[in-house]
Amino acid sequence: MTAEESRANQYTVLSSFEPVESLLEIKKSEFIGHVKRVQTESEARAYIEEIRKKYHDARHVCSAFVLGPDRETQRSSDDGEPAGTAGIPMLQALLNRRTSTEDESVMDLSDICAVVVRYFGGIKLGAGGLVRAYTDAVVQVLDEAELVPRRRLRMGAIETSFAEAGKLENELRAAGIHVDTTDYGTGSASIIIGVFDSPASKAELEEQLAALTAGASSVAWQDTLWV
């Protein structure tokens, strides 16, 4: 799904592509939780296999991942645990993660793969115990991870004179507008900017630009870009 097709214009991701790991011990069993930011299903599956090779002696390597702005790709695996006791609870832990301190209804974590490695400690946990353990393993490792918003920007080109380009670019930056680059031509320049892809943000930029240039320049809206 492309940026143009996705319904969401913002979602939450891990701040880094470096994996995060956490150990949870329950009744002598070890549940080693891992999360990693991924961008494709092949990346997610490659990470799962990487963990499987690292813990080659583990009885179970269960996993779940969510991909895309609209979280349209969702996969999970119990890897030999009783059906529904590992992969689905892990997936639900990802989907139900609250990602906003201002609005508890926001749950938009995506582009993430969770893997939980289990070493059996000799005491059976039962189906309910396994569900809680795999859920808690993902929740715990997410608690140790840093989350950041990923936003869709609407890019635009502002045509201006060569002489005014530098001044206008500085004024745009001072106004908090994302300036991607400035392309200089013969006697004219094109300043490429990006704003949050919403009608309100685009209208605000157009008003700011009109004020900065006394109506002499306008913006030609272009494609979108996820940042």
C-alpha atoms as a PDB file:
ATOM      1  CA  MET A   1       0.000   0.000   0.000  1.00  0.00           C
ATOM      2  CA  THR A   2       1.467   3.360  -1.002  1.00  0.00           C
ATOM      3  CA  ALA A   3       1.468   6.575   0.994  1.00  0.00           C
ATOM      4  CA  GLU A   4      -1.314   7.867  -1.248  1.00  0.00           C
ATOM      5  CA  GLU A   5      -3.491   4.807  -0.614  1.00  0.00           C
ATOM      6  CA  SER A   6      -3.061   4.538   3.162  1.00  0.00           C
ATOM      7  CA  ARG A   7      -5.814   5.958   5.329  1.00  0.00           C
ATOM      8  CA  ALA A   8      -3.467   6.907   8.156  1.00  0.00           C
ATOM      9  CA  ASN A   9      -1.191   9.929   7.872  1.00  0.00           C
ATOM     10  CA  GLN A  10       0.689   9.092  11.068  1.00  0.00           C
ATOM     11  CA  TYR A  11       1.595   6.007  13.092  1.00  0.00           C
ATOM     12  CA  THR A  12       4.096   4.941  15.750  1.00  0.00           C
ATOM     13  CA  VAL A  13       7.351   3.023  15.292  1.00  0.00           C
ATOM     14  CA  LEU A  14      10.429   2.092  17.279  1.00  0.00           C
ATOM     15  CA  SER A  15      12.862   5.010  17.288  1.00  0.00           C
ATOM     16  CA  SER A  16      15.743   2.853  16.066  1.00  0.00           C
ATOM     17  CA  PHE A  17      16.296  -0.171  13.853  1.00  0.00           C
ATOM     18  CA  GLU A  18      18.402  -1.685  16.646  1.00  0.00           C
ATOM     19  CA  PRO A  19      16.614  -4.577  18.412  1.00  0.00           C
ATOM     20  CA  VAL A  20      15.533  -4.380  22.053  1.00  0.00           C
ATOM     21  CA  GLU A  21      15.648  -7.393  24.389  1.00  0.00           C
ATOM     22  CA  SER A  22      14.167  -8.165  27.805  1.00  0.00           C
ATOM     23  CA  LEU A  23      14.055 -11.235  30.074  1.00  0.00           C
ATOM     24  CA  LEU A  24      10.923 -12.327  31.942  1.00  0.00           C
ATOM     25  CA  GLU A  25      11.077 -15.248  34.397  1.00  0.00           C
ATOM     26  CA  ILE A  26       7.894 -17.076  35.417  1.00  0.00           C
ATOM     27  CA  LYS A  27       7.959 -20.260  37.520  1.00  0.00           C
ATOM     28  CA  LYS A  28      11.511 -21.071  36.425  1.00  0.00           C
ATOM     29  CA  SER A  29      10.652 -20.658  32.729  1.00  0.00           C
ATOM     30  CA  GLU A  30      12.497 -17.933  30.845  1.00  0.00           C
ATOM     31  CA  PHE A  31      10.692 -15.799  28.281  1.00  0.00           C
ATOM     32  CA  ILE A  32      13.198 -13.692  26.357  1.00  0.00           C
ATOM     33  CA  GLY A  33      11.355 -10.942  24.516  1.00  0.00           C
ATOM     34  CA  HIS A  34      12.726  -9.148  21.471  1.00  0.00           C
ATOM     35  CA  VAL A  35      11.322  -6.359  19.310  1.00  0.00           C
ATOM     36  CA  LYS A  36      12.779  -4.865  16.167  1.00  0.00           C
ATOM     37  CA  ARG A  37      11.653  -2.256  13.690  1.00  0.00           C
ATOM     38  CA  VAL A  38      11.082  -3.780  10.254  1.00  0.00           C
ATOM     39  CA  GLN A  39       9.719  -2.428   6.987  1.00  0.00           C
ATOM     40  CA  THR A  40       8.745  -5.554   5.052  1.00  0.00           C
ATOM     41  CA  GLU A  41       7.484  -9.058   5.710  1.00  0.00           C
ATOM     42  CA  SER A  42      10.765 -10.491   4.445  1.00  0.00           C
ATOM     43  CA  GLU A  43      12.676  -8.364   6.975  1.00  0.00           C
ATOM     44  CA  ALA A  44      10.406  -9.611   9.757  1.00  0.00           C
ATOM     45  CA  ARG A  45      10.848 -13.257   8.793  1.00  0.00           C
ATOM     46  CA  ALA A  46      14.607 -12.807   8.467  1.00  0.00           C
ATOM     47  CA  TYR A  47      14.724 -11.399  12.004  1.00  0.00           C
ATOM     48  CA  ILE A  48      12.682 -14.316  13.340  1.00  0.00           C
ATOM     49  CA  GLU A  49      15.125 -16.749  11.743  1.00  0.00           C
ATOM     50  CA  GLU A  50      18.049 -14.792  13.165  1.00  0.00           C
ATOM     51  CA  ILE A  51      16.638 -15.202  16.670  1.00  0.00           C
ATOM     52  CA  ARG A  52      15.865 -18.865  16.017  1.00  0.00           C
ATOM     53  CA  LYS A  53      19.498 -19.524  15.073  1.00  0.00           C
ATOM     54  CA  LYS A  54      20.792 -17.555  18.054  1.00  0.00           C
ATOM     55  CA  TYR A  55      18.654 -19.608  20.451  1.00  0.00           C
ATOM     56  CA  HIS A  56      18.899 -22.876  18.545  1.00  0.00           C
ATOM     57  CA  ASP A  57      18.437 -24.934  21.716  1.00  0.00           C
ATOM     58  CA  ALA A  58      15.174 -23.249  22.733  1.00  0.00           C
ATOM     59  CA  ARG A  59      11.976 -25.278  22.622  1.00  0.00           C
ATOM     60  CA  HIS A  60       9.804 -22.435  21.313  1.00  0.00           C
ATOM     61  CA  VAL A  61      10.530 -19.260  19.318  1.00  0.00           C
ATOM     62  CA  CYS A  62       7.154 -17.556  18.956  1.00  0.00           C
ATOM     63  CA  SER A  63       6.570 -14.434  16.928  1.00  0.00           C
ATOM     64  CA  ALA A  64       4.218 -11.725  15.741  1.00  0.00           C
ATOM     65  CA  PHE A  65       4.615  -8.738  13.473  1.00  0.00           C
ATOM     66  CA  VAL A  66       2.598  -5.780  12.219  1.00  0.00           C
ATOM     67  CA  LEU A  67       3.382  -3.743   9.108  1.00  0.00           C
ATOM     68  CA  GLY A  68       2.159  -0.655   7.306  1.00  0.00           C
ATOM     69  CA  PRO A  69       0.552   2.701   8.135  1.00  0.00           C
ATOM     70  CA  ASP A  70      -2.862   1.038   8.399  1.00  0.00           C
ATOM     71  CA  ARG A  71      -1.381  -2.087  10.048  1.00  0.00           C
ATOM     72  CA  GLU A  72      -2.737  -4.047   7.109  1.00  0.00           C
ATOM     73  CA  THR A  73      -0.204  -6.886   7.469  1.00  0.00           C
ATOM     74  CA  GLN A  74      -0.497  -8.929  10.677  1.00  0.00           C
ATOM     75  CA  ARG A  75       1.115 -12.321  11.244  1.00  0.00           C
ATOM     76  CA  SER A  76       1.759 -14.559  14.257  1.00  0.00           C
ATOM     77  CA  SER A  77       3.146 -17.993  15.105  1.00  0.00           C
ATOM     78  CA  ASP A  78       2.753 -20.240  18.174  1.00  0.00           C
ATOM     79  CA  ASP A  79       5.787 -22.308  17.115  1.00  0.00           C
ATOM     80  CA  GLY A  80       4.613 -25.477  18.828  1.00  0.00           C
ATOM     81  CA  GLU A  81       2.902 -23.937  21.839  1.00  0.00           C
ATOM     82  CA  PRO A  82      -0.805 -24.824  22.247  1.00  0.00           C
ATOM     83  CA  ALA A  83      -2.824 -23.024  19.576  1.00  0.00           C
ATOM     84  CA  GLY A  84      -3.680 -19.456  20.493  1.00  0.00           C
ATOM     85  CA  THR A  85      -1.469 -19.257  23.589  1.00  0.00           C
ATOM     86  CA  ALA A  86       1.552 -17.427  22.161  1.00  0.00           C
ATOM     87  CA  GLY A  87       1.436 -15.818  18.716  1.00  0.00           C
ATOM     88  CA  ILE A  88      -2.024 -14.251  18.956  1.00  0.00           C
ATOM     89  CA  PRO A  89      -1.457 -12.856  22.485  1.00  0.00           C
ATOM     90  CA  MET A  90       1.834 -11.386  21.271  1.00  0.00           C
ATOM     91  CA  LEU A  91       0.105  -9.839  18.268  1.00  0.00           C
ATOM     92  CA  GLN A  92      -2.597  -8.372  20.493  1.00  0.00           C
ATOM     93  CA  ALA A  93       0.074  -6.886  22.758  1.00  0.00           C
ATOM     94  CA  LEU A  94       1.474  -5.046  19.733  1.00  0.00           C
ATOM     95  CA  LEU A  95      -1.921  -3.948  18.428  1.00  0.00           C
ATOM     96  CA  ASN A  96      -3.183  -2.810  21.834  1.00  0.00           C
ATOM     97  CA  ARG A  97      -0.094  -0.835  22.808  1.00  0.00           C
ATOM     98  CA  ARG A  98      -1.129   2.701  23.757  1.00  0.00           C
ATOM     99  CA  THR A  99       1.159   5.118  21.955  1.00  0.00           C
ATOM    100  CA  SER A 100      -0.071   8.542  23.081  1.00  0.00           C
ATOM    101  CA  THR A 101       0.266  10.097  26.521  1.00  0.00           C
ATOM    102  CA  GLU A 102      -2.499  12.552  25.665  1.00  0.00           C
ATOM    103  CA  ASP A 103      -5.092  10.177  24.209  1.00  0.00           C
ATOM    104  CA  GLU A 104      -5.336   6.652  25.623  1.00  0.00           C
ATOM    105  CA  SER A 105      -7.442   5.527  22.668  1.00  0.00           C
ATOM    106  CA  VAL A 106      -4.497   5.875  20.271  1.00  0.00           C
ATOM    107  CA  MET A 107      -3.005   2.468  19.459  1.00  0.00           C
ATOM    108  CA  ASP A 108      -1.085   2.736  16.186  1.00  0.00           C
ATOM    109  CA  LEU A 109       2.181   0.842  16.687  1.00  0.00           C
ATOM    110  CA  SER A 110       3.386  -0.737  13.440  1.00  0.00           C
ATOM    111  CA  ASP A 111       6.431  -1.783  11.398  1.00  0.00           C
ATOM    112  CA  ILE A 112       7.473  -3.998  14.295  1.00  0.00           C
ATOM    113  CA  CYS A 113       8.387  -7.634  14.814  1.00  0.00           C
ATOM    114  CA  ALA A 114       8.205  -9.278  18.248  1.00  0.00           C
ATOM    115  CA  VAL A 115       9.903 -12.579  19.030  1.00  0.00           C
ATOM    116  CA  VAL A 116       9.693 -14.402  22.363  1.00  0.00           C
ATOM    117  CA  VAL A 117      12.053 -17.276  23.094  1.00  0.00           C
ATOM    118  CA  ARG A 118      10.928 -19.716  25.777  1.00  0.00           C
ATOM    119  CA  TYR A 119      13.115 -21.984  27.862  1.00  0.00           C
ATOM    120  CA  PHE A 120      10.920 -24.392  29.828  1.00  0.00           C
ATOM    121  CA  GLY A 121      11.619 -24.433  33.561  1.00  0.00           C
ATOM    122  CA  GLY A 122       9.876 -27.695  34.398  1.00  0.00           C
ATOM    123  CA  ILE A 123       6.608 -26.245  35.710  1.00  0.00           C
ATOM    124  CA  LYS A 124       3.632 -26.222  33.351  1.00  0.00           C
ATOM    125  CA  LEU A 125       1.847 -22.873  33.171  1.00  0.00           C
ATOM    126  CA  GLY A 126      -1.405 -23.977  31.554  1.00  0.00           C
ATOM    127  CA  ALA A 127      -3.077 -22.256  28.625  1.00  0.00           C
ATOM    128  CA  GLY A 128      -4.035 -19.160  30.609  1.00  0.00           C
ATOM    129  CA  GLY A 129      -0.577 -18.899  32.103  1.00  0.00           C
ATOM    130  CA  LEU A 130       1.048 -19.101  28.691  1.00  0.00           C
ATOM    131  CA  VAL A 131      -1.216 -16.379  27.299  1.00  0.00           C
ATOM    132  CA  ARG A 132      -0.295 -14.074  30.181  1.00  0.00           C
ATOM    133  CA  ALA A 133       3.399 -14.924  29.936  1.00  0.00           C
ATOM    134  CA  TYR A 134       3.728 -14.261  26.210  1.00  0.00           C
ATOM    135  CA  THR A 135       1.654 -11.094  26.529  1.00  0.00           C
ATOM    136  CA  ASP A 136       3.732  -9.836  29.445  1.00  0.00           C
ATOM    137  CA  ALA A 137       6.996 -10.653  27.659  1.00  0.00           C
ATOM    138  CA  VAL A 138       6.035  -8.368  24.774  1.00  0.00           C
ATOM    139  CA  VAL A 139       4.654  -5.657  27.060  1.00  0.00           C
ATOM    140  CA  GLN A 140       7.855  -5.693  29.117  1.00  0.00           C
ATOM    141  CA  VAL A 141      10.206  -5.365  26.160  1.00  0.00           C
ATOM    142  CA  LEU A 142       8.037  -2.586  24.696  1.00  0.00           C
ATOM    143  CA  ASP A 143       8.317  -0.763  28.026  1.00  0.00           C
ATOM    144  CA  GLU A 144      12.079  -0.676  27.484  1.00  0.00           C
ATOM    145  CA  ALA A 145      11.842   0.534  23.883  1.00  0.00           C
ATOM    146  CA  GLU A 146      11.587   4.125  22.697  1.00  0.00           C
ATOM    147  CA  LEU A 147       8.654   4.895  20.424  1.00  0.00           C
ATOM    148  CA  VAL A 148       8.361   7.827  18.018  1.00  0.00           C
ATOM    149  CA  PRO A 149       5.735   9.020  15.542  1.00  0.00           C
ATOM    150  CA  ARG A 150       6.228   8.458  11.837  1.00  0.00           C
ATOM    151  CA  ARG A 151       4.436  11.070   9.760  1.00  0.00           C
ATOM    152  CA  ARG A 152       3.403  11.433   6.173  1.00  0.00           C
ATOM    153  CA  LEU A 153       4.526  14.742   4.710  1.00  0.00           C
ATOM    154  CA  ARG A 154       2.944  16.406   1.705  1.00  0.00           C
ATOM    155  CA  MET A 155       5.784  17.781  -0.369  1.00  0.00           C
ATOM    156  CA  GLY A 156       5.479  21.014  -2.294  1.00  0.00           C
ATOM    157  CA  ALA A 157       7.533  23.275  -4.554  1.00  0.00           C
ATOM    158  CA  ILE A 158       7.709  27.027  -4.067  1.00  0.00           C
ATOM    159  CA  GLU A 159       8.979  28.945  -7.074  1.00  0.00           C
ATOM    160  CA  THR A 160      10.818  32.159  -6.316  1.00  0.00           C
ATOM    161  CA  SER A 161      13.498  34.373  -7.782  1.00  0.00           C
ATOM    162  CA  PHE A 162      17.142  33.465  -7.460  1.00  0.00           C
ATOM    163  CA  ALA A 163      17.738  36.635  -5.452  1.00  0.00           C
ATOM    164  CA  GLU A 164      14.942  35.932  -2.943  1.00  0.00           C
ATOM    165  CA  ALA A 165      15.509  32.187  -2.520  1.00  0.00           C
ATOM    166  CA  GLY A 166      18.003  32.324   0.341  1.00  0.00           C
ATOM    167  CA  LYS A 167      15.976  34.805   2.358  1.00  0.00           C
ATOM    168  CA  LEU A 168      12.712  32.924   1.824  1.00  0.00           C
ATOM    169  CA  GLU A 169      14.293  29.598   2.730  1.00  0.00           C
ATOM    170  CA  ASN A 170      15.565  31.046   6.015  1.00  0.00           C
ATOM    171  CA  GLU A 171      12.158  32.550   6.783  1.00  0.00           C
ATOM    172  CA  LEU A 172      10.439  29.234   6.098  1.00  0.00           C
ATOM    173  CA  ARG A 173      12.826  27.403   8.415  1.00  0.00           C
ATOM    174  CA  ALA A 174      12.358  30.058  11.094  1.00  0.00           C
ATOM    175  CA  ALA A 175       8.597  29.516  10.830  1.00  0.00           C
ATOM    176  CA  GLY A 176       9.110  25.823  11.617  1.00  0.00           C
ATOM    177  CA  ILE A 177       8.488  24.584   8.082  1.00  0.00           C
ATOM    178  CA  HIS A 178      10.451  21.551   6.892  1.00  0.00           C
ATOM    179  CA  VAL A 179      12.674  22.581   3.968  1.00  0.00           C
ATOM    180  CA  ASP A 180      13.948  19.562   2.076  1.00  0.00           C
ATOM    181  CA  THR A 181      16.139  21.208  -0.531  1.00  0.00           C
ATOM    182  CA  THR A 182      16.442  24.220  -2.818  1.00  0.00           C
ATOM    183  CA  ASP A 183      17.028  23.723  -6.524  1.00  0.00           C
ATOM    184  CA  TYR A 184      18.642  26.704  -8.229  1.00  0.00           C
ATOM    185  CA  GLY A 185      18.020  27.326 -11.894  1.00  0.00           C
ATOM    186  CA  THR A 186      18.856  30.214 -14.179  1.00  0.00           C
ATOM    187  CA  GLY A 187      17.386  33.271 -12.510  1.00  0.00           C
ATOM    188  CA  SER A 188      14.891  31.266 -10.445  1.00  0.00           C
ATOM    189  CA  ALA A 189      14.811  28.713  -7.668  1.00  0.00           C
ATOM    190  CA  SER A 190      12.470  26.011  -6.418  1.00  0.00           C
ATOM    191  CA  ILE A 191      12.268  25.465  -2.661  1.00  0.00           C
ATOM    192  CA  ILE A 192      11.016  21.970  -1.821  1.00  0.00           C
ATOM    193  CA  ILE A 193       9.116  21.896   1.470  1.00  0.00           C
ATOM    194  CA  GLY A 194       7.107  19.333   3.396  1.00  0.00           C
ATOM    195  CA  VAL A 195       4.190  19.686   5.804  1.00  0.00           C
ATOM    196  CA  PHE A 196       2.104  17.173   7.720  1.00  0.00           C
ATOM    197  CA  ASP A 197      -0.306  15.711   5.183  1.00  0.00           C
ATOM    198  CA  SER A 198      -3.584  17.178   6.365  1.00  0.00           C
ATOM    199  CA  PRO A 199      -5.857  19.881   4.929  1.00  0.00           C
ATOM    200  CA  ALA A 200      -5.243  22.097   7.967  1.00  0.00           C
ATOM    201  CA  SER A 201      -1.444  21.905   7.681  1.00  0.00           C
ATOM    202  CA  LYS A 202      -1.518  22.635   3.965  1.00  0.00           C
ATOM    203  CA  ALA A 203      -3.826  25.617   4.462  1.00  0.00           C
ATOM    204  CA  GLU A 204      -1.596  26.950   7.247  1.00  0.00           C
ATOM    205  CA  LEU A 205       1.475  26.722   5.010  1.00  0.00           C
ATOM    206  CA  GLU A 206      -0.293  28.569   2.214  1.00  0.00           C
ATOM    207  CA  GLU A 207      -1.268  31.348   4.631  1.00  0.00           C
ATOM    208  CA  GLN A 208       2.282  31.593   5.989  1.00  0.00           C
ATOM    209  CA  LEU A 209       3.732  31.706   2.489  1.00  0.00           C
ATOM    210  CA  ALA A 210       1.317  34.431   1.420  1.00  0.00           C
ATOM    211  CA  ALA A 211       2.314  36.497   4.450  1.00  0.00           C
ATOM    212  CA  LEU A 212       6.049  35.979   3.921  1.00  0.00           C
ATOM    213  CA  THR A 213       5.989  36.875   0.217  1.00  0.00           C
ATOM    214  CA  ALA A 214       3.087  39.342   0.170  1.00  0.00           C
ATOM    215  CA  GLY A 215       1.287  36.929  -2.124  1.00  0.00           C
ATOM    216  CA  ALA A 216       4.110  36.815  -4.670  1.00  0.00           C
ATOM    217  CA  SER A 217       4.758  33.065  -4.313  1.00  0.00           C
ATOM    218  CA  SER A 218       2.536  30.002  -4.119  1.00  0.00           C
ATOM    219  CA  VAL A 219       3.123  26.315  -3.493  1.00  0.00           C
ATOM    220  CA  ALA A 220       2.606  23.544  -6.046  1.00  0.00           C
ATOM    221  CA  TRP A 221       1.716  20.430  -4.053  1.00  0.00           C
ATOM    222  CA  GLN A 222       3.474  17.206  -5.023  1.00  0.00           C
ATOM    223  CA  ASP A 223       3.735  13.615  -3.786  1.00  0.00           C
ATOM    224  CA  THR A 224       3.921  12.451  -0.183  1.00  0.00           C
ATOM    225  CA  LEU A 225       6.877  11.176   1.816  1.00  0.00           C
ATOM    226  CA  TRP A 226       6.983   9.180   5.066  1.00  0.00           C
ATOM    227  CA  VAL A 227       9.512  10.438   7.609  1.00  0.00           C
END
